[in-house]
Amino acid sequence: MLELIAMTTMLVDHMGVVFFPDITAFRIIGRISFPIYCFLLTRGYCYTSNFNKYLLRLILLAFISQPIYMGLFGLERPNVIFTLVVCLIILKLMEKPKVLNIIVSLTLTIFLTFGFEYGSYAVLLVLIYKNVKNPYNILIAHLILNIAYFFHYSWIQQFSILGSLVITLYTSWGFLSDFKVNRLTYRAFYPIHMLCLLVAKLFSNL
């Protein structure tokens, strides 16, 4: 069910960006999606039987999505999947926190800050989901993170705490945990939904 919520709220967010930029409600709803994607990334990392294949799939998805992302939003920066790729690499490096691994992780985090969507915020959020086990402490840690980045992002980003609230309901009380989304559907949704929005945008401009 988490996958469906992440997909749906991301679609709402992107519809707002493309077609309804003056309606804030779309962006507020959209703040729910990224924390869930970060949580699912950490869960995938913990349970994957082949890290290299997991990483390769994510890299491939990022490159496939990039031209569609640029066409839809008119942006030249890397799409958010590239951010998740770097976060996944950092998770692997931090598995054995040697000095060199820590230095590389910090370097990648700083690198993310320049030109990557969510930047270091994404790394810290992923580390919260990986290392904080109590779901209520996750809410507190996410709230502190949002406060720390308050002046870096729009006030709308504060609503991303709702994503962690959904995760808490899911992990603590099994909120709709029986509902599953097909893996291929989940992976393909990012580029496909943007492609559909891009086609709709092009037709609306005719």
Protein backbone atom coordinates (compact mmCIF):
# COMPACT_ATOMS: atom_id res chain seq x y z
CA MET A 1 0.00 0.00 0.00
CA LEU A 2 2.90 2.34 0.66
CA GLU A 3 3.89 2.05 -2.99
CA LEU A 4 0.41 3.07 -4.15
CA ILE A 5 0.32 6.06 -1.79
CA ALA A 6 3.77 7.18 -2.98
CA MET A 7 2.79 6.83 -6.63
CA THR A 8 -0.57 8.59 -6.23
CA THR A 9 0.72 11.54 -4.22
CA MET A 10 3.65 12.00 -6.63
CA LEU A 11 1.20 12.07 -9.54
CA VAL A 12 -0.90 14.69 -7.76
CA ASP A 13 2.23 16.75 -7.08
CA HIS A 14 3.41 16.66 -10.68
CA MET A 15 -0.07 17.45 -12.00
CA GLY A 16 0.02 20.50 -9.78
CA VAL A 17 3.43 21.59 -11.06
CA VAL A 18 2.47 21.20 -14.71
CA PHE A 19 -1.19 22.17 -14.86
CA PHE A 20 -2.15 23.90 -11.60
CA PRO A 21 0.92 25.81 -10.35
CA ASP A 22 -1.20 28.29 -8.39
CA ILE A 23 -3.06 25.66 -6.36
CA THR A 24 -0.95 24.92 -3.29
CA ALA A 25 -2.99 21.88 -2.24
CA PHE A 26 -1.45 19.80 -5.03
CA ARG A 27 2.06 20.51 -3.74
CA ILE A 28 1.09 19.85 -0.12
CA ILE A 29 -0.33 16.43 -1.02
CA GLY A 30 2.78 15.78 -3.09
CA ARG A 31 5.05 16.22 -0.07
CA ILE A 32 3.88 12.82 1.16
CA SER A 33 5.52 10.90 -1.68
CA PHE A 34 9.27 11.48 -1.31
CA PRO A 35 9.60 10.31 2.32
CA ILE A 36 7.79 7.10 1.38
CA TYR A 37 10.11 6.56 -1.58
CA CYS A 38 13.09 7.06 0.76
CA PHE A 39 11.65 4.57 3.24
CA LEU A 40 11.02 2.01 0.50
CA LEU A 41 14.58 2.52 -0.74
CA THR A 42 15.98 1.66 2.69
CA ARG A 43 13.69 -1.34 2.99
CA GLY A 44 14.74 -2.53 -0.45
CA TYR A 45 18.37 -2.12 0.57
CA CYS A 46 17.86 -4.16 3.74
CA TYR A 47 16.02 -7.01 2.03
CA THR A 48 17.60 -7.24 -1.41
CA SER A 49 19.48 -10.44 -2.14
CA ASN A 50 21.67 -8.73 -4.75
CA PHE A 51 22.74 -5.15 -4.04
CA ASN A 52 24.47 -4.69 -7.40
CA LYS A 53 21.34 -5.64 -9.35
CA TYR A 54 19.24 -3.38 -7.15
CA LEU A 55 21.61 -0.48 -7.76
CA LEU A 56 21.82 -1.18 -11.50
CA ARG A 57 18.02 -1.21 -11.85
CA LEU A 58 17.83 2.15 -10.10
CA ILE A 59 20.57 3.65 -12.29
CA LEU A 60 18.85 2.36 -15.43
CA LEU A 61 15.53 3.83 -14.29
CA ALA A 62 17.21 7.18 -13.62
CA PHE A 63 18.71 7.38 -17.11
CA ILE A 64 15.49 6.25 -18.82
CA SER A 65 13.52 8.89 -16.90
CA GLN A 66 15.93 11.79 -17.46
CA PRO A 67 14.87 12.96 -20.98
CA ILE A 68 11.18 12.71 -20.03
CA TYR A 69 11.85 14.63 -16.81
CA MET A 70 13.66 17.39 -18.68
CA GLY A 71 10.91 17.63 -21.29
CA LEU A 72 8.11 17.77 -18.72
CA PHE A 73 9.57 20.21 -16.22
CA GLY A 74 12.03 22.10 -18.40
CA LEU A 75 14.84 21.38 -15.94
CA GLU A 76 18.42 20.37 -16.70
CA ARG A 77 19.28 18.99 -13.27
CA PRO A 78 19.25 15.22 -12.60
CA ASN A 79 15.88 13.71 -11.71
CA VAL A 80 15.16 12.52 -8.19
CA ILE A 81 16.03 8.88 -8.98
CA PHE A 82 19.67 9.94 -9.32
CA THR A 83 19.41 11.32 -5.79
CA LEU A 84 18.12 7.95 -4.59
CA VAL A 85 20.98 6.22 -6.42
CA VAL A 86 23.53 8.25 -4.45
CA CYS A 87 21.60 7.61 -1.22
CA LEU A 88 21.72 3.87 -1.91
CA ILE A 89 25.48 4.00 -2.47
CA ILE A 90 25.92 5.90 0.79
CA LEU A 91 23.86 3.27 2.63
CA LYS A 92 26.24 0.61 1.31
CA LEU A 93 29.32 2.62 2.28
CA MET A 94 27.99 3.25 5.79
CA GLU A 95 27.45 -0.48 6.30
CA LYS A 96 31.16 -0.62 7.17
CA PRO A 97 31.89 2.85 8.56
CA LYS A 98 35.62 2.93 7.90
CA VAL A 99 37.29 6.33 7.67
CA LEU A 100 37.52 6.19 3.87
CA ASN A 101 33.87 5.17 3.53
CA ILE A 102 32.79 8.02 5.79
CA ILE A 103 34.86 10.52 3.79
CA VAL A 104 33.39 9.26 0.51
CA SER A 105 29.87 9.39 1.97
CA LEU A 106 30.35 12.97 3.15
CA THR A 107 31.79 13.92 -0.24
CA LEU A 108 28.79 12.40 -2.02
CA THR A 109 26.42 14.19 0.35
CA ILE A 110 28.08 17.54 -0.35
CA PHE A 111 28.02 16.73 -4.08
CA LEU A 112 24.28 16.05 -3.87
CA THR A 113 23.69 19.50 -2.40
CA PHE A 114 24.67 21.13 -5.68
CA GLY A 115 22.14 20.57 -8.44
CA PHE A 116 20.47 17.39 -7.18
CA GLU A 117 16.85 17.34 -6.11
CA TYR A 118 16.56 17.27 -2.29
CA GLY A 119 20.35 17.01 -1.94
CA SER A 120 21.71 16.34 1.54
CA TYR A 121 18.16 16.42 2.95
CA ALA A 122 17.50 13.15 1.11
CA VAL A 123 20.62 11.50 2.54
CA LEU A 124 19.71 12.44 6.10
CA LEU A 125 16.11 11.29 5.66
CA VAL A 126 17.27 7.93 4.28
CA LEU A 127 19.68 7.52 7.21
CA ILE A 128 16.83 8.26 9.61
CA TYR A 129 14.69 5.53 8.07
CA LYS A 130 17.64 3.13 8.08
CA ASN A 131 18.87 3.67 11.63
CA VAL A 132 15.91 4.85 13.72
CA LYS A 133 13.83 1.79 14.55
CA ASN A 134 11.03 3.21 16.68
CA PRO A 135 8.39 4.67 14.31
CA TYR A 136 7.50 7.45 16.73
CA ASN A 137 11.15 8.46 16.99
CA ILE A 138 11.20 8.55 13.19
CA LEU A 139 8.46 11.19 13.33
CA ILE A 140 10.48 13.24 15.81
CA ALA A 141 13.70 12.92 13.80
CA HIS A 142 11.91 13.89 10.58
CA LEU A 143 10.36 16.91 12.30
CA ILE A 144 13.79 18.04 13.52
CA LEU A 145 15.18 17.57 10.00
CA ASN A 146 12.40 19.70 8.53
CA ILE A 147 13.02 22.44 11.07
CA ALA A 148 16.75 22.38 10.28
CA TYR A 149 16.00 22.83 6.57
CA PHE A 150 13.16 25.31 7.07
CA PHE A 151 14.95 28.22 5.42
CA HIS A 152 16.37 26.06 2.63
CA TYR A 153 13.03 24.85 1.31
CA SER A 154 9.56 26.29 0.91
CA TRP A 155 7.28 26.10 3.95
CA ILE A 156 5.34 23.50 2.02
CA GLN A 157 8.16 21.01 2.66
CA GLN A 158 7.09 20.91 6.32
CA PHE A 159 4.13 18.82 5.19
CA SER A 160 6.53 16.01 4.24
CA ILE A 161 6.16 14.88 7.85
CA LEU A 162 2.85 13.41 6.67
CA GLY A 163 4.88 10.86 4.73
CA SER A 164 6.50 9.65 7.93
CA LEU A 165 3.09 9.61 9.60
CA VAL A 166 1.80 7.26 6.89
CA ILE A 167 4.90 5.08 7.38
CA THR A 168 4.25 5.00 11.14
CA LEU A 169 0.65 3.91 10.59
CA TYR A 170 1.88 1.22 8.20
CA THR A 171 4.70 -0.18 10.35
CA SER A 172 3.02 0.15 13.76
CA TRP A 173 -0.57 -0.76 13.03
CA GLY A 174 -0.36 -2.58 9.70
CA PHE A 175 -2.35 0.16 7.97
CA LEU A 176 -3.56 -1.46 4.69
CA SER A 177 -0.46 -3.69 4.74
CA ASP A 178 -2.18 -6.49 2.80
CA PHE A 179 -2.48 -4.41 -0.37
CA LYS A 180 0.46 -5.03 -2.70
CA VAL A 181 1.56 -3.23 -5.87
CA ASN A 182 3.22 -5.18 -8.67
CA ARG A 183 6.98 -4.54 -8.62
CA LEU A 184 7.22 -3.79 -12.32
CA THR A 185 4.32 -1.34 -12.07
CA TYR A 186 6.00 0.40 -9.15
CA ARG A 187 9.35 0.68 -10.93
CA ALA A 188 7.91 1.81 -14.27
CA PHE A 189 5.47 4.32 -12.83
CA TYR A 190 7.96 7.19 -12.51
CA PRO A 191 8.88 7.53 -16.20
CA ILE A 192 5.46 6.42 -17.50
CA HIS A 193 3.42 8.92 -15.48
CA MET A 194 5.77 11.73 -16.54
CA LEU A 195 5.46 10.65 -20.17
CA CYS A 196 1.66 10.75 -19.91
CA LEU A 197 1.79 14.21 -18.35
CA LEU A 198 4.22 15.39 -21.03
CA VAL A 199 1.89 14.19 -23.81
CA ALA A 200 -1.07 15.89 -22.10
CA LYS A 201 0.97 19.07 -21.72
CA LEU A 202 1.94 19.09 -25.40
CA PHE A 203 -1.67 18.57 -26.50
CA SER A 204 -2.91 21.30 -24.15
CA ASN A 205 -0.50 23.75 -25.79
CA LEU A 206 -1.75 23.04 -29.33
